[in-house]
Structures are given as structure tokens and as C-alpha cells.
Amino acid sequence: MTRKPQHFRRGRRIVAHVARDYADAEDWDLEFWQKQTPQQRLSALVAIREDVAKVKGRRR
């Protein structure tokens, strides 16, 4: 399996919501993540960890 750069994978899957307040944002976020499969949630977590590692690496 060939891994595509993050920006290509994310660019096709961006989902947005304009929240009225913090409670609305939290409700939407919870609903969004509950709709995702465990594999999708794990993939998102791995992608975030990789991005954080890249940022930390640039600071050194």
C-alpha cells in the first residue's frame, strides 16, 4: 500500500461546521467522531501524532 502525502488525503475529506457557540461545537465534534469507524478514528490519531512529531522535529 502506497502512502500518499497527508495534504492529498486530507484535502479530499475536509468536513466543516460553523458553530454558534462552544456547546454547539462540542456536540458537532462528538457526533462527527461517533459516525467514524474505529479504523478511521485510529487513522486520524496516527496522522495527528505524525504531524506533532514533524513539528517537534523542526523545532530542534
PDB file of N, CA and C in Angstrom:
ATOM      1  N   MET A   1       0.843  -1.185   0.000  1.00  0.00           N
ATOM      2  CA  MET A   1       0.000   0.000   0.000  1.00  0.00           C
ATOM      3  C   MET A   1       0.886   1.246   0.000  1.00  0.00           C
ATOM      4  N   THR A   2       0.675   2.122  -0.936  1.00  0.00           N
ATOM      5  CA  THR A   2       1.447   3.350  -1.042  1.00  0.00           C
ATOM      6  C   THR A   2       0.795   4.432  -0.191  1.00  0.00           C
ATOM      7  N   ARG A   3       1.615   5.088   0.607  1.00  0.00           N
ATOM      8  CA  ARG A   3       1.088   6.162   1.453  1.00  0.00           C
ATOM      9  C   ARG A   3       1.165   7.472   0.698  1.00  0.00           C
ATOM     10  N   LYS A   4       0.062   8.179   0.619  1.00  0.00           N
ATOM     11  CA  LYS A   4       0.037   9.479  -0.043  1.00  0.00           C
ATOM     12  C   LYS A   4       0.381  10.548   0.990  1.00  0.00           C
ATOM     13  N   PRO A   5       0.929  11.660   0.534  1.00  0.00           N
ATOM     14  CA  PRO A   5       1.181  12.758   1.475  1.00  0.00           C
ATOM     15  C   PRO A   5      -0.101  13.174   2.180  1.00  0.00           C
ATOM     16  N   GLN A   6       0.065  13.607   3.430  1.00  0.00           N
ATOM     17  CA  GLN A   6      -1.084  13.984   4.255  1.00  0.00           C
ATOM     18  C   GLN A   6      -2.002  14.990   3.561  1.00  0.00           C
ATOM     19  N   HIS A   7      -1.434  16.002   2.939  1.00  0.00           N
ATOM     20  CA  HIS A   7      -2.277  17.052   2.368  1.00  0.00           C
ATOM     21  C   HIS A   7      -3.173  16.527   1.251  1.00  0.00           C
ATOM     22  N   PHE A   8      -2.749  15.487   0.528  1.00  0.00           N
ATOM     23  CA  PHE A   8      -3.605  14.926  -0.512  1.00  0.00           C
ATOM     24  C   PHE A   8      -4.766  14.152   0.106  1.00  0.00           C
ATOM     25  N   ARG A   9      -4.472  13.360   1.147  1.00  0.00           N
ATOM     26  CA  ARG A   9      -5.529  12.570   1.780  1.00  0.00           C
ATOM     27  C   ARG A   9      -6.541  13.470   2.474  1.00  0.00           C
ATOM     28  N   ARG A  10      -6.065  14.487   3.168  1.00  0.00           N
ATOM     29  CA  ARG A  10      -6.974  15.356   3.916  1.00  0.00           C
ATOM     30  C   ARG A  10      -7.758  16.282   2.998  1.00  0.00           C
ATOM     31  N   GLY A  11      -7.132  16.718   1.929  1.00  0.00           N
ATOM     32  CA  GLY A  11      -7.769  17.678   1.040  1.00  0.00           C
ATOM     33  C   GLY A  11      -9.091  17.199   0.475  1.00  0.00           C
ATOM     34  N   ARG A  12      -9.235  15.916   0.343  1.00  0.00           N
ATOM     35  CA  ARG A  12     -10.470  15.374  -0.216  1.00  0.00           C
ATOM     36  C   ARG A  12     -11.495  15.041   0.848  1.00  0.00           C
ATOM     37  N   ARG A  13     -11.123  15.154   2.141  1.00  0.00           N
ATOM     38  CA  ARG A  13     -12.028  14.715   3.188  1.00  0.00           C
ATOM     39  C   ARG A  13     -12.365  15.799   4.194  1.00  0.00           C
ATOM     40  N   ILE A  14     -12.062  17.026   3.925  1.00  0.00           N
ATOM     41  CA  ILE A  14     -12.326  18.069   4.906  1.00  0.00           C
ATOM     42  C   ILE A  14     -13.824  18.263   5.079  1.00  0.00           C
ATOM     43  N   VAL A  15     -14.238  18.240   6.334  1.00  0.00           N
ATOM     44  CA  VAL A  15     -15.635  18.464   6.690  1.00  0.00           C
ATOM     45  C   VAL A  15     -15.653  19.659   7.628  1.00  0.00           C
ATOM     46  N   ALA A  16     -16.513  20.622   7.375  1.00  0.00           N
ATOM     47  CA  ALA A  16     -16.522  21.840   8.180  1.00  0.00           C
ATOM     48  C   ALA A  16     -17.890  22.091   8.795  1.00  0.00           C
ATOM     49  N   HIS A  17     -17.885  22.857   9.857  1.00  0.00           N
ATOM     50  CA  HIS A  17     -19.112  23.245  10.547  1.00  0.00           C
ATOM     51  C   HIS A  17     -18.860  24.595  11.196  1.00  0.00           C
ATOM     52  N   VAL A  18     -19.786  25.515  11.073  1.00  0.00           N
ATOM     53  CA  VAL A  18     -19.683  26.802  11.740  1.00  0.00           C
ATOM     54  C   VAL A  18     -20.545  26.726  12.993  1.00  0.00           C
ATOM     55  N   ALA A  19     -19.896  26.740  14.136  1.00  0.00           N
ATOM     56  CA  ALA A  19     -20.599  26.570  15.410  1.00  0.00           C
ATOM     57  C   ALA A  19     -21.142  27.899  15.920  1.00  0.00           C
ATOM     58  N   ARG A  20     -22.283  27.813  16.573  1.00  0.00           N
ATOM     59  CA  ARG A  20     -22.883  29.004  17.183  1.00  0.00           C
ATOM     60  C   ARG A  20     -22.196  29.354  18.497  1.00  0.00           C
ATOM     61  N   ASP A  21     -21.729  28.322  19.208  1.00  0.00           N
ATOM     62  CA  ASP A  21     -21.059  28.520  20.491  1.00  0.00           C
ATOM     63  C   ASP A  21     -20.241  27.266  20.812  1.00  0.00           C
ATOM     64  N   TYR A  22     -19.579  27.261  21.954  1.00  0.00           N
ATOM     65  CA  TYR A  22     -18.735  26.121  22.314  1.00  0.00           C
ATOM     66  C   TYR A  22     -19.536  24.832  22.470  1.00  0.00           C
ATOM     67  N   ALA A  23     -20.713  24.922  23.043  1.00  0.00           N
ATOM     68  CA  ALA A  23     -21.538  23.722  23.225  1.00  0.00           C
ATOM     69  C   ALA A  23     -21.911  23.125  21.877  1.00  0.00           C
ATOM     70  N   ASP A  24     -22.271  23.972  20.923  1.00  0.00           N
ATOM     71  CA  ASP A  24     -22.610  23.505  19.582  1.00  0.00           C
ATOM     72  C   ASP A  24     -21.397  22.834  18.936  1.00  0.00           C
ATOM     73  N   ALA A  25     -20.227  23.427  19.105  1.00  0.00           N
ATOM     74  CA  ALA A  25     -19.007  22.853  18.532  1.00  0.00           C
ATOM     75  C   ALA A  25     -18.714  21.483  19.149  1.00  0.00           C
ATOM     76  N   GLU A  26     -18.854  21.374  20.455  1.00  0.00           N
ATOM     77  CA  GLU A  26     -18.601  20.094  21.118  1.00  0.00           C
ATOM     78  C   GLU A  26     -19.602  19.034  20.682  1.00  0.00           C
ATOM     79  N   ASP A  27     -20.866  19.411  20.562  1.00  0.00           N
ATOM     80  CA  ASP A  27     -21.896  18.456  20.116  1.00  0.00           C
ATOM     81  C   ASP A  27     -21.603  17.964  18.711  1.00  0.00           C
ATOM     82  N   TRP A  28     -21.243  18.889  17.819  1.00  0.00           N
ATOM     83  CA  TRP A  28     -20.953  18.513  16.438  1.00  0.00           C
ATOM     84  C   TRP A  28     -19.732  17.601  16.382  1.00  0.00           C
ATOM     85  N   ASP A  29     -18.691  17.957  17.149  1.00  0.00           N
ATOM     86  CA  ASP A  29     -17.467  17.168  17.163  1.00  0.00           C
ATOM     87  C   ASP A  29     -17.739  15.744  17.651  1.00  0.00           C
ATOM     88  N   LEU A  30     -18.492  15.616  18.724  1.00  0.00           N
ATOM     89  CA  LEU A  30     -18.825  14.298  19.259  1.00  0.00           C
ATOM     90  C   LEU A  30     -19.603  13.482  18.235  1.00  0.00           C
ATOM     91  N   GLU A  31     -20.592  14.091  17.618  1.00  0.00           N
ATOM     92  CA  GLU A  31     -21.401  13.395  16.613  1.00  0.00           C
ATOM     93  C   GLU A  31     -20.536  12.966  15.422  1.00  0.00           C
ATOM     94  N   PHE A  32     -19.651  13.853  14.982  1.00  0.00           N
ATOM     95  CA  PHE A  32     -18.773  13.534  13.853  1.00  0.00           C
ATOM     96  C   PHE A  32     -17.928  12.305  14.158  1.00  0.00           C
ATOM     97  N   TRP A  33     -17.257  12.297  15.321  1.00  0.00           N
ATOM     98  CA  TRP A  33     -16.357  11.191  15.632  1.00  0.00           C
ATOM     99  C   TRP A  33     -17.100   9.901  15.922  1.00  0.00           C
ATOM    100  N   GLN A  34     -18.322   9.983  16.426  1.00  0.00           N
ATOM    101  CA  GLN A  34     -19.094   8.772  16.659  1.00  0.00           C
ATOM    102  C   GLN A  34     -19.546   8.131  15.352  1.00  0.00           C
ATOM    103  N   LYS A  35     -19.641   8.906  14.297  1.00  0.00           N
ATOM    104  CA  LYS A  35     -20.017   8.369  12.982  1.00  0.00           C
ATOM    105  C   LYS A  35     -18.855   7.657  12.298  1.00  0.00           C
ATOM    106  N   GLN A  36     -17.626   7.919  12.750  1.00  0.00           N
ATOM    107  CA  GLN A  36     -16.446   7.327  12.129  1.00  0.00           C
ATOM    108  C   GLN A  36     -16.258   5.895  12.623  1.00  0.00           C
ATOM    109  N   THR A  37     -15.676   5.079  11.775  1.00  0.00           N
ATOM    110  CA  THR A  37     -15.359   3.707  12.170  1.00  0.00           C
ATOM    111  C   THR A  37     -14.144   3.728  13.101  1.00  0.00           C
ATOM    112  N   PRO A  38     -13.943   2.661  13.863  1.00  0.00           N
ATOM    113  CA  PRO A  38     -12.739   2.606  14.706  1.00  0.00           C
ATOM    114  C   PRO A  38     -11.456   2.765  13.882  1.00  0.00           C
ATOM    115  N   GLN A  39     -11.444   2.225  12.679  1.00  0.00           N
ATOM    116  CA  GLN A  39     -10.271   2.349  11.822  1.00  0.00           C
ATOM    117  C   GLN A  39     -10.029   3.806  11.427  1.00  0.00           C
ATOM    118  N   GLN A  40     -11.099   4.530  11.129  1.00  0.00           N
ATOM    119  CA  GLN A  40     -10.958   5.939  10.755  1.00  0.00           C
ATOM    120  C   GLN A  40     -10.474   6.769  11.944  1.00  0.00           C
ATOM    121  N   ARG A  41     -10.989   6.479  13.131  1.00  0.00           N
ATOM    122  CA  ARG A  41     -10.550   7.213  14.316  1.00  0.00           C
ATOM    123  C   ARG A  41      -9.082   6.931  14.615  1.00  0.00           C
ATOM    124  N   LEU A  42      -8.674   5.674  14.500  1.00  0.00           N
ATOM    125  CA  LEU A  42      -7.279   5.326  14.738  1.00  0.00           C
ATOM    126  C   LEU A  42      -6.376   5.977  13.692  1.00  0.00           C
ATOM    127  N   SER A  43      -6.799   5.968  12.452  1.00  0.00           N
ATOM    128  CA  SER A  43      -6.024   6.596  11.386  1.00  0.00           C
ATOM    129  C   SER A  43      -5.847   8.089  11.651  1.00  0.00           C
ATOM    130  N   ALA A  44      -6.892   8.750  12.120  1.00  0.00           N
ATOM    131  CA  ALA A  44      -6.804  10.178  12.436  1.00  0.00           C
ATOM    132  C   ALA A  44      -5.830  10.417  13.580  1.00  0.00           C
ATOM    133  N   LEU A  45      -5.869   9.558  14.588  1.00  0.00           N
ATOM    134  CA  LEU A  45      -4.954   9.692  15.716  1.00  0.00           C
ATOM    135  C   LEU A  45      -3.508   9.515  15.273  1.00  0.00           C
ATOM    136  N   VAL A  46      -3.258   8.532  14.450  1.00  0.00           N
ATOM    137  CA  VAL A  46      -1.902   8.298  13.947  1.00  0.00           C
ATOM    138  C   VAL A  46      -1.427   9.497  13.122  1.00  0.00           C
ATOM    139  N   ALA A  47      -2.298  10.033  12.281  1.00  0.00           N
ATOM    140  CA  ALA A  47      -1.926  11.192  11.457  1.00  0.00           C
ATOM    141  C   ALA A  47      -1.598  12.398  12.333  1.00  0.00           C
ATOM    142  N   ILE A  48      -2.364  12.605  13.390  1.00  0.00           N
ATOM    143  CA  ILE A  48      -2.097  13.728  14.299  1.00  0.00           C
ATOM    144  C   ILE A  48      -0.761  13.530  14.991  1.00  0.00           C
ATOM    145  N   ARG A  49      -0.510  12.318  15.468  1.00  0.00           N
ATOM    146  CA  ARG A  49       0.770  12.034  16.138  1.00  0.00           C
ATOM    147  C   ARG A  49       1.946  12.251  15.186  1.00  0.00           C
ATOM    148  N   GLU A  50       1.806  11.839  13.926  1.00  0.00           N
ATOM    149  CA  GLU A  50       2.872  12.053  12.942  1.00  0.00           C
ATOM    150  C   GLU A  50       3.093  13.543  12.704  1.00  0.00           C
ATOM    151  N   ASP A  51       1.998  14.310  12.618  1.00  0.00           N
ATOM    152  CA  ASP A  51       2.130  15.756  12.420  1.00  0.00           C
ATOM    153  C   ASP A  51       2.816  16.420  13.609  1.00  0.00           C
ATOM    154  N   VAL A  52       2.463  16.024  14.814  1.00  0.00           N
ATOM    155  CA  VAL A  52       3.089  16.585  16.014  1.00  0.00           C
ATOM    156  C   VAL A  52       4.574  16.245  16.036  1.00  0.00           C
ATOM    157  N   ALA A  53       4.914  15.013  15.687  1.00  0.00           N
ATOM    158  CA  ALA A  53       6.326  14.613  15.658  1.00  0.00           C
ATOM    159  C   ALA A  53       7.106  15.448  14.645  1.00  0.00           C
ATOM    160  N   LYS A  54       6.510  15.726  13.492  1.00  0.00           N
ATOM    161  CA  LYS A  54       7.171  16.553  12.482  1.00  0.00           C
ATOM    162  C   LYS A  54       7.422  17.963  13.008  1.00  0.00           C
ATOM    163  N   VAL A  55       6.427  18.526  13.662  1.00  0.00           N
ATOM    164  CA  VAL A  55       6.565  19.877  14.198  1.00  0.00           C
ATOM    165  C   VAL A  55       7.636  19.913  15.274  1.00  0.00           C
ATOM    166  N   LYS A  56       7.617  18.933  16.159  1.00  0.00           N
ATOM    167  CA  LYS A  56       8.643  18.883  17.214  1.00  0.00           C
ATOM    168  C   LYS A  56      10.022  18.717  16.591  1.00  0.00           C
ATOM    169  N   GLY A  57      10.130  17.938  15.538  1.00  0.00           N
ATOM    170  CA  GLY A  57      11.412  17.735  14.876  1.00  0.00           C
ATOM    171  C   GLY A  57      11.953  19.011  14.254  1.00  0.00           C
ATOM    172  N   ARG A  58      11.083  19.848  13.752  1.00  0.00           N
ATOM    173  CA  ARG A  58      11.510  21.118  13.126  1.00  0.00           C
ATOM    174  C   ARG A  58      11.994  22.111  14.162  1.00  0.00           C
ATOM    175  N   ARG A  59      11.494  22.001  15.385  1.00  0.00           N
ATOM    176  CA  ARG A  59      11.883  22.957  16.429  1.00  0.00           C
ATOM    177  C   ARG A  59      13.271  22.688  16.976  1.00  0.00           C
ATOM    178  N   ARG A  60      13.785  21.486  16.756  1.00  0.00           N
ATOM    179  CA  ARG A  60      15.106  21.131  17.330  1.00  0.00           C
ATOM    180  C   ARG A  60      16.229  21.641  16.496  1.00  0.00           C
TER     181      ARG A  60
END
